[in-house]
C-alpha atoms as a PDB file:
ATOM      1  CA  MET A   1      10.251  13.775 -18.664  1.00  0.00           C
ATOM      2  CA  GLY A   2       7.994  13.833 -15.602  1.00  0.00           C
ATOM      3  CA  ILE A   3       5.656  11.169 -16.974  1.00  0.00           C
ATOM      4  CA  LYS A   4       8.611   8.954 -17.891  1.00  0.00           C
ATOM      5  CA  VAL A   5      10.106   9.263 -14.413  1.00  0.00           C
ATOM      6  CA  ARG A   6       6.751   8.442 -12.834  1.00  0.00           C
ATOM      7  CA  ASN A   7       6.298   5.414 -15.079  1.00  0.00           C
ATOM      8  CA  GLN A   8       9.793   4.173 -14.286  1.00  0.00           C
ATOM      9  CA  ILE A   9       9.263   4.528 -10.523  1.00  0.00           C
ATOM     10  CA  ALA A  10       6.052   2.536 -10.925  1.00  0.00           C
ATOM     11  CA  ALA A  11       7.951  -0.073 -12.939  1.00  0.00           C
ATOM     12  CA  ILE A  12      10.566  -0.441 -10.188  1.00  0.00           C
ATOM     13  CA  ALA A  13       7.838  -0.867  -7.590  1.00  0.00           C
ATOM     14  CA  ARG A  14       6.055  -3.519  -9.657  1.00  0.00           C
ATOM     15  CA  ILE A  15       9.320  -5.434 -10.024  1.00  0.00           C
ATOM     16  CA  LEU A  16       9.929  -5.451  -6.296  1.00  0.00           C
ATOM     17  CA  VAL A  17       6.439  -6.200  -4.973  1.00  0.00           C
ATOM     18  CA  SER A  18       5.882  -9.091  -7.382  1.00  0.00           C
ATOM     19  CA  ALA A  19       8.901 -11.067  -6.058  1.00  0.00           C
ATOM     20  CA  PRO A  20       9.882 -12.076  -9.601  1.00  0.00           C
ATOM     21  CA  ASP A  21      12.153 -14.904 -10.574  1.00  0.00           C
ATOM     22  CA  PRO A  22      15.830 -13.868 -10.823  1.00  0.00           C
ATOM     23  CA  SER A  23      15.988 -13.753 -14.619  1.00  0.00           C
ATOM     24  CA  SER A  24      12.967 -11.459 -14.981  1.00  0.00           C
ATOM     25  CA  LEU A  25      14.305  -9.146 -12.281  1.00  0.00           C
ATOM     26  CA  LYS A  26      17.623  -8.788 -14.077  1.00  0.00           C
ATOM     27  CA  GLU A  27      15.876  -8.172 -17.385  1.00  0.00           C
ATOM     28  CA  SER A  28      13.648  -5.489 -15.856  1.00  0.00           C
ATOM     29  CA  LEU A  29      16.665  -3.740 -14.352  1.00  0.00           C
ATOM     30  CA  ARG A  30      18.474  -3.939 -17.697  1.00  0.00           C
ATOM     31  CA  VAL A  31      15.517  -2.280 -19.451  1.00  0.00           C
ATOM     32  CA  LEU A  32      15.422   0.393 -16.760  1.00  0.00           C
ATOM     33  CA  PHE A  33      19.168   0.963 -17.176  1.00  0.00           C
ATOM     34  CA  GLU A  34      18.735   1.493 -20.920  1.00  0.00           C
ATOM     35  CA  GLN A  35      15.653   3.713 -20.698  1.00  0.00           C
ATOM     36  CA  ALA A  36      16.116   5.602 -17.423  1.00  0.00           C
ATOM     37  CA  PRO A  37      14.918   9.183 -18.029  1.00  0.00           C
ATOM     38  CA  SER A  38      16.683  10.636 -14.993  1.00  0.00           C
ATOM     39  CA  PRO A  39      20.179  10.340 -13.485  1.00  0.00           C
ATOM     40  CA  GLU A  40      18.723   8.895 -10.271  1.00  0.00           C
ATOM     41  CA  LEU A  41      16.970   6.065 -12.048  1.00  0.00           C
ATOM     42  CA  PHE A  42      20.038   5.373 -14.163  1.00  0.00           C
ATOM     43  CA  LEU A  43      22.194   5.105 -11.034  1.00  0.00           C
ATOM     44  CA  PHE A  44      19.589   2.911  -9.351  1.00  0.00           C
ATOM     45  CA  ALA A  45      19.533   0.462 -12.252  1.00  0.00           C
ATOM     46  CA  SER A  46      23.313   0.549 -12.644  1.00  0.00           C
ATOM     47  CA  LYS A  47      23.884  -0.174  -8.964  1.00  0.00           C
ATOM     48  CA  TRP A  48      21.510  -3.107  -8.714  1.00  0.00           C
ATOM     49  CA  LEU A  49      22.456  -4.644 -12.045  1.00  0.00           C
ATOM     50  CA  SER A  50      25.949  -5.115 -10.647  1.00  0.00           C
ATOM     51  CA  GLU A  51      24.657  -7.039  -7.610  1.00  0.00           C
ATOM     52  CA  LYS A  52      24.055 -10.780  -7.525  1.00  0.00           C
ATOM     53  CA  THR A  53      20.388 -11.455  -8.165  1.00  0.00           C
ATOM     54  CA  ALA A  54      19.856 -13.571  -5.048  1.00  0.00           C
ATOM     55  CA  GLU A  55      21.244 -10.761  -2.929  1.00  0.00           C
ATOM     56  CA  ILE A  56      18.890  -8.256  -4.558  1.00  0.00           C
ATOM     57  CA  LEU A  57      15.834 -10.375  -3.820  1.00  0.00           C
ATOM     58  CA  SER A  58      16.763 -10.787  -0.157  1.00  0.00           C
ATOM     59  CA  SER A  59      17.944  -7.218   0.391  1.00  0.00           C
ATOM     60  CA  GLN A  60      16.105  -4.395   2.102  1.00  0.00           C
ATOM     61  CA  ALA A  61      18.628  -1.928   0.707  1.00  0.00           C
ATOM     62  CA  ILE A  62      16.956  -1.857  -2.698  1.00  0.00           C
ATOM     63  CA  TRP A  63      13.703  -0.876  -0.968  1.00  0.00           C
ATOM     64  CA  ALA A  64      15.584   1.851   0.884  1.00  0.00           C
ATOM     65  CA  ASP A  65      16.806   3.174  -2.460  1.00  0.00           C
ATOM     66  CA  LEU A  66      13.269   3.174  -3.837  1.00  0.00           C
ATOM     67  CA  LYS A  67      11.998   5.011  -0.740  1.00  0.00           C
ATOM     68  CA  GLN A  68      14.641   7.671  -1.295  1.00  0.00           C
ATOM     69  CA  ILE A  69      13.638   8.141  -4.930  1.00  0.00           C
ATOM     70  CA  ILE A  70       9.989   8.489  -3.845  1.00  0.00           C
ATOM     71  CA  ALA A  71      10.963  11.009  -1.156  1.00  0.00           C
ATOM     72  CA  ASP A  72      13.028  13.008  -3.655  1.00  0.00           C
ATOM     73  CA  HIS A  73      10.103  13.195  -6.121  1.00  0.00           C
ATOM     74  CA  PRO A  74       6.950  13.953  -4.090  1.00  0.00           C
ATOM     75  CA  GLN A  75       5.421  15.570  -7.174  1.00  0.00           C
ATOM     76  CA  HIS A  76       4.899  12.098  -8.669  1.00  0.00           C
ATOM     77  CA  GLY A  77       2.556  11.068  -5.857  1.00  0.00           C
ATOM     78  CA  PHE A  78       3.896   7.753  -4.566  1.00  0.00           C
ATOM     79  CA  ALA A  79       3.616   6.341  -1.060  1.00  0.00           C
ATOM     80  CA  LEU A  80       4.965   3.071   0.326  1.00  0.00           C
ATOM     81  CA  ILE A  81       2.900   1.006   2.757  1.00  0.00           C
ATOM     82  CA  GLU A  82       4.972  -1.411   4.852  1.00  0.00           C
ATOM     83  CA  GLY A  83       2.687  -4.421   4.913  1.00  0.00           C
ATOM     84  CA  LYS A  84       4.554  -6.145   7.728  1.00  0.00           C
ATOM     85  CA  ASN A  85       3.777  -3.202  10.011  1.00  0.00           C
ATOM     86  CA  ILE A  86       0.139  -4.279   9.846  1.00  0.00           C
ATOM     87  CA  HIS A  87      -0.771  -6.971  12.387  1.00  0.00           C
ATOM     88  CA  ASP A  88      -4.378  -6.041  13.145  1.00  0.00           C
ATOM     89  CA  ILE A  89      -6.885  -3.240  12.587  1.00  0.00           C
ATOM     90  CA  PRO A  90      -5.245  -0.651  14.915  1.00  0.00           C
ATOM     91  CA  SER A  91      -1.842  -1.219  13.325  1.00  0.00           C
ATOM     92  CA  PHE A  92      -3.380  -0.768   9.861  1.00  0.00           C
ATOM     93  CA  TYR A  93      -4.460   2.728  10.855  1.00  0.00           C
ATOM     94  CA  ALA A  94      -1.116   3.370  12.553  1.00  0.00           C
ATOM     95  CA  GLU A  95       0.622   2.594   9.256  1.00  0.00           C
ATOM     96  CA  ILE A  96      -1.794   4.684   7.193  1.00  0.00           C
ATOM     97  CA  ASN A  97      -1.357   7.617   9.568  1.00  0.00           C
ATOM     98  CA  ARG A  98       2.437   7.214   9.499  1.00  0.00           C
ATOM     99  CA  VAL A  99       2.470   7.368   5.716  1.00  0.00           C
ATOM    100  CA  TYR A 100      -0.306   9.864   4.980  1.00  0.00           C
ATOM    101  CA  MET A 101      -0.997  11.950   8.069  1.00  0.00           C
ATOM    102  CA  SER A 102       2.453  12.811   9.448  1.00  0.00           C
ATOM    103  CA  ASP A 103       1.910  16.525   8.746  1.00  0.00           C
ATOM    104  CA  GLU A 104      -1.516  16.631  10.408  1.00  0.00           C
ATOM    105  CA  ASN A 105      -2.231  17.072  14.110  1.00  0.00           C
ATOM    106  CA  TRP A 106      -4.976  14.449  14.051  1.00  0.00           C
ATOM    107  CA  ALA A 107      -5.300  10.873  12.826  1.00  0.00           C
ATOM    108  CA  ILE A 108      -7.816   8.684  11.034  1.00  0.00           C
ATOM    109  CA  GLY A 109      -9.091   5.503  12.641  1.00  0.00           C
ATOM    110  CA  SER A 110     -12.071   4.216  10.690  1.00  0.00           C
ATOM    111  CA  LEU A 111     -13.009   2.899   7.263  1.00  0.00           C
ATOM    112  CA  ASP A 112     -14.949   6.113   6.595  1.00  0.00           C
ATOM    113  CA  GLY A 113     -11.853   8.119   7.497  1.00  0.00           C
ATOM    114  CA  PHE A 114      -9.695   6.006   5.181  1.00  0.00           C
ATOM    115  CA  ASN A 115     -12.197   6.529   2.372  1.00  0.00           C
ATOM    116  CA  ASP A 116     -12.218  10.292   2.992  1.00  0.00           C
ATOM    117  CA  LEU A 117      -8.405  10.325   2.940  1.00  0.00           C
ATOM    118  CA  LEU A 118      -8.335   8.834  -0.553  1.00  0.00           C
ATOM    119  CA  TYR A 119     -10.687  11.539  -1.828  1.00  0.00           C
ATOM    120  CA  GLY A 120      -7.954  14.054  -0.954  1.00  0.00           C
ATOM    121  CA  GLY A 121      -8.173  17.397   0.768  1.00  0.00           C
ATOM    122  CA  PHE A 122      -6.014  16.566   3.763  1.00  0.00           C
ATOM    123  CA  GLY A 123      -2.882  14.644   4.663  1.00  0.00           C
ATOM    124  CA  LYS A 124      -0.423  13.663   1.983  1.00  0.00           C
ATOM    125  CA  LEU A 125      -3.221  13.623  -0.603  1.00  0.00           C
ATOM    126  CA  SER A 126      -4.377  17.174   0.060  1.00  0.00           C
ATOM    127  CA  ASP A 127      -3.311  18.475  -3.364  1.00  0.00           C
ATOM    128  CA  ALA A 128      -2.870  15.256  -5.312  1.00  0.00           C
ATOM    129  CA  ASP A 129      -4.364  14.928  -8.784  1.00  0.00           C
ATOM    130  CA  LYS A 130      -3.151  11.356  -9.006  1.00  0.00           C
ATOM    131  CA  HIS A 131      -1.625   9.056  -6.442  1.00  0.00           C
ATOM    132  CA  THR A 132      -0.070   5.589  -6.376  1.00  0.00           C
ATOM    133  CA  MET A 133      -0.041   3.439  -3.279  1.00  0.00           C
ATOM    134  CA  ILE A 134       2.750   0.847  -3.246  1.00  0.00           C
ATOM    135  CA  TRP A 135       1.862  -1.909  -0.773  1.00  0.00           C
ATOM    136  CA  LYS A 136       4.866  -4.022   0.164  1.00  0.00           C
ATOM    137  CA  ASP A 137       4.295  -7.510   1.658  1.00  0.00           C
ATOM    138  CA  ILE A 138       0.587  -7.311   0.972  1.00  0.00           C
ATOM    139  CA  ALA A 139       0.030 -11.044   1.523  1.00  0.00           C
ATOM    140  CA  TYR A 140       1.035 -10.551   5.158  1.00  0.00           C
ATOM    141  CA  SER A 141      -1.440  -7.677   5.553  1.00  0.00           C
ATOM    142  CA  ARG A 142      -4.196  -9.680   3.873  1.00  0.00           C
ATOM    143  CA  GLU A 143      -3.692 -12.548   6.299  1.00  0.00           C
ATOM    144  CA  LYS A 144      -3.582 -10.327   9.385  1.00  0.00           C
ATOM    145  CA  LEU A 145      -6.759  -8.486   8.315  1.00  0.00           C
ATOM    146  CA  GLY A 146      -8.529 -11.717   7.466  1.00  0.00           C
ATOM    147  CA  VAL A 147     -11.475 -13.657   8.854  1.00  0.00           C
ATOM    148  CA  ALA A 148     -10.390 -13.934  12.516  1.00  0.00           C
ATOM    149  CA  VAL A 149      -9.734 -10.210  12.927  1.00  0.00           C
ATOM    150  CA  THR A 150     -12.921  -9.293  11.078  1.00  0.00           C
ATOM    151  CA  LEU A 151     -15.097 -11.601  13.166  1.00  0.00           C
ATOM    152  CA  GLN A 152     -13.774  -9.928  16.311  1.00  0.00           C
ATOM    153  CA  TYR A 153     -14.371  -6.505  14.745  1.00  0.00           C
ATOM    154  CA  TYR A 154     -18.037  -7.370  14.165  1.00  0.00           C
ATOM    155  CA  ARG A 155     -18.415  -8.890  17.636  1.00  0.00           C
ATOM    156  CA  ASN A 156     -17.093  -5.658  19.130  1.00  0.00           C
ATOM    157  CA  LYS A 157     -19.719  -3.739  17.185  1.00  0.00           C
ATOM    158  CA  LEU A 158     -22.377  -6.031  18.696  1.00  0.00           C
ATOM    159  CA  SER A 159     -21.178  -5.748  22.288  1.00  0.00           C
ATOM    160  CA  THR A 160     -23.564  -4.657  25.037  1.00  0.00           C
ATOM    161  CA  GLY A 161     -24.205  -0.928  24.907  1.00  0.00           C
ATOM    162  CA  SER A 162     -22.737  -0.557  21.406  1.00  0.00           C
ATOM    163  CA  PRO A 163     -24.185   2.461  19.550  1.00  0.00           C
ATOM    164  CA  TYR A 164     -23.802   0.790  16.162  1.00  0.00           C
ATOM    165  CA  ASN A 165     -26.563  -0.671  13.976  1.00  0.00           C
ATOM    166  CA  GLN A 166     -26.984  -4.099  15.539  1.00  0.00           C
ATOM    167  CA  THR A 167     -29.013  -5.583  12.680  1.00  0.00           C
ATOM    168  CA  TYR A 168     -26.447  -4.503  10.098  1.00  0.00           C
ATOM    169  CA  PHE A 169     -23.433  -5.850  11.952  1.00  0.00           C
ATOM    170  CA  GLN A 170     -25.182  -9.076  12.945  1.00  0.00           C
ATOM    171  CA  GLN A 171     -25.824  -9.738   9.260  1.00  0.00           C
ATOM    172  CA  LYS A 172     -22.183  -8.960   8.459  1.00  0.00           C
ATOM    173  CA  LEU A 173     -21.081 -11.400  11.163  1.00  0.00           C
ATOM    174  CA  THR A 174     -23.470 -14.093   9.951  1.00  0.00           C
ATOM    175  CA  ASP A 175     -22.328 -13.693   6.338  1.00  0.00           C
ATOM    176  CA  LEU A 176     -18.669 -13.967   7.272  1.00  0.00           C
ATOM    177  CA  GLN A 177     -19.288 -17.029   9.435  1.00  0.00           C
ATOM    178  CA  ALA A 178     -21.067 -18.591   6.448  1.00  0.00           C
ATOM    179  CA  GLY A 179     -18.026 -17.946   4.260  1.00  0.00           C
ATOM    180  CA  LYS A 180     -19.671 -15.353   2.027  1.00  0.00           C
ATOM    181  CA  GLY A 181     -18.842 -12.075   3.754  1.00  0.00           C
ATOM    182  CA  GLN A 182     -16.006  -9.607   3.326  1.00  0.00           C
ATOM    183  CA  THR A 183     -12.922  -9.564   5.497  1.00  0.00           C
ATOM    184  CA  TYR A 184     -11.584  -6.246   6.741  1.00  0.00           C
ATOM    185  CA  PHE A 185      -8.930  -6.466   4.034  1.00  0.00           C
ATOM    186  CA  ASP A 186     -11.627  -7.040   1.402  1.00  0.00           C
ATOM    187  CA  ILE A 187     -13.375  -3.862   2.554  1.00  0.00           C
ATOM    188  CA  ILE A 188     -10.110  -1.897   2.357  1.00  0.00           C
ATOM    189  CA  THR A 189      -9.579  -3.272  -1.158  1.00  0.00           C
ATOM    190  CA  GLU A 190     -13.063  -2.191  -2.209  1.00  0.00           C
ATOM    191  CA  ILE A 191     -12.428   1.327  -0.895  1.00  0.00           C
ATOM    192  CA  ILE A 192      -9.108   1.685  -2.717  1.00  0.00           C
ATOM    193  CA  LEU A 193     -10.523   0.414  -6.005  1.00  0.00           C
ATOM    194  CA  SER A 194     -13.433   2.857  -5.791  1.00  0.00           C
ATOM    195  CA  HIS A 195     -11.050   5.820  -6.179  1.00  0.00           C
ATOM    196  CA  ASN A 196     -10.103   6.317  -9.810  1.00  0.00           C
ATOM    197  CA  LYS A 197      -7.266   8.717  -9.035  1.00  0.00           C
ATOM    198  CA  VAL A 198      -5.569   6.205  -6.733  1.00  0.00           C
ATOM    199  CA  GLY A 199      -3.309   3.627  -8.345  1.00  0.00           C
ATOM    200  CA  TRP A 200      -2.366   0.492  -6.430  1.00  0.00           C
ATOM    201  CA  ILE A 201       0.811  -1.527  -6.862  1.00  0.00           C
ATOM    202  CA  TYR A 202       0.944  -4.710  -4.816  1.00  0.00           C
END
């Protein structure tokens, strides 16, 4: 039963983040309605099947329902990242800390810290064997953590008196200016994909 519930929550998330066409959304909800392994998922599917499809696609209420299901089943290891909360590098960490570090008295604020978080041992992932990150509105996050933000990030690392490896960050800056380097979002992606126990729905 637990695996089925987890799979169905993941299925709901995939439906919502992919912004499907109306017919495929209705079909996915119909399948969920027929196969729902828990009363909560049955009620979720039943409720949204009765709504007009256009209203579902434009509604935040369906996301609120999904958040509640995730909150009610912490044992399944889901977390929802609000992509539109991310406007730059500091707000990326603010969102990560909101989602993963709310029970800690300290916060992460670097790529190394984000990588350490996904290994587990502290925050929401302290005891997780498996975890799934649902990233809503990821295209917005990707744009905001794109080339412009990353160029400024590297320039800050190269500022006068900076303790960072100047040769390393100058090469990173040069590569990005030449169109062959990674954006900050690309680096985040690489970190997430390096963790086998972390699933990613976006």
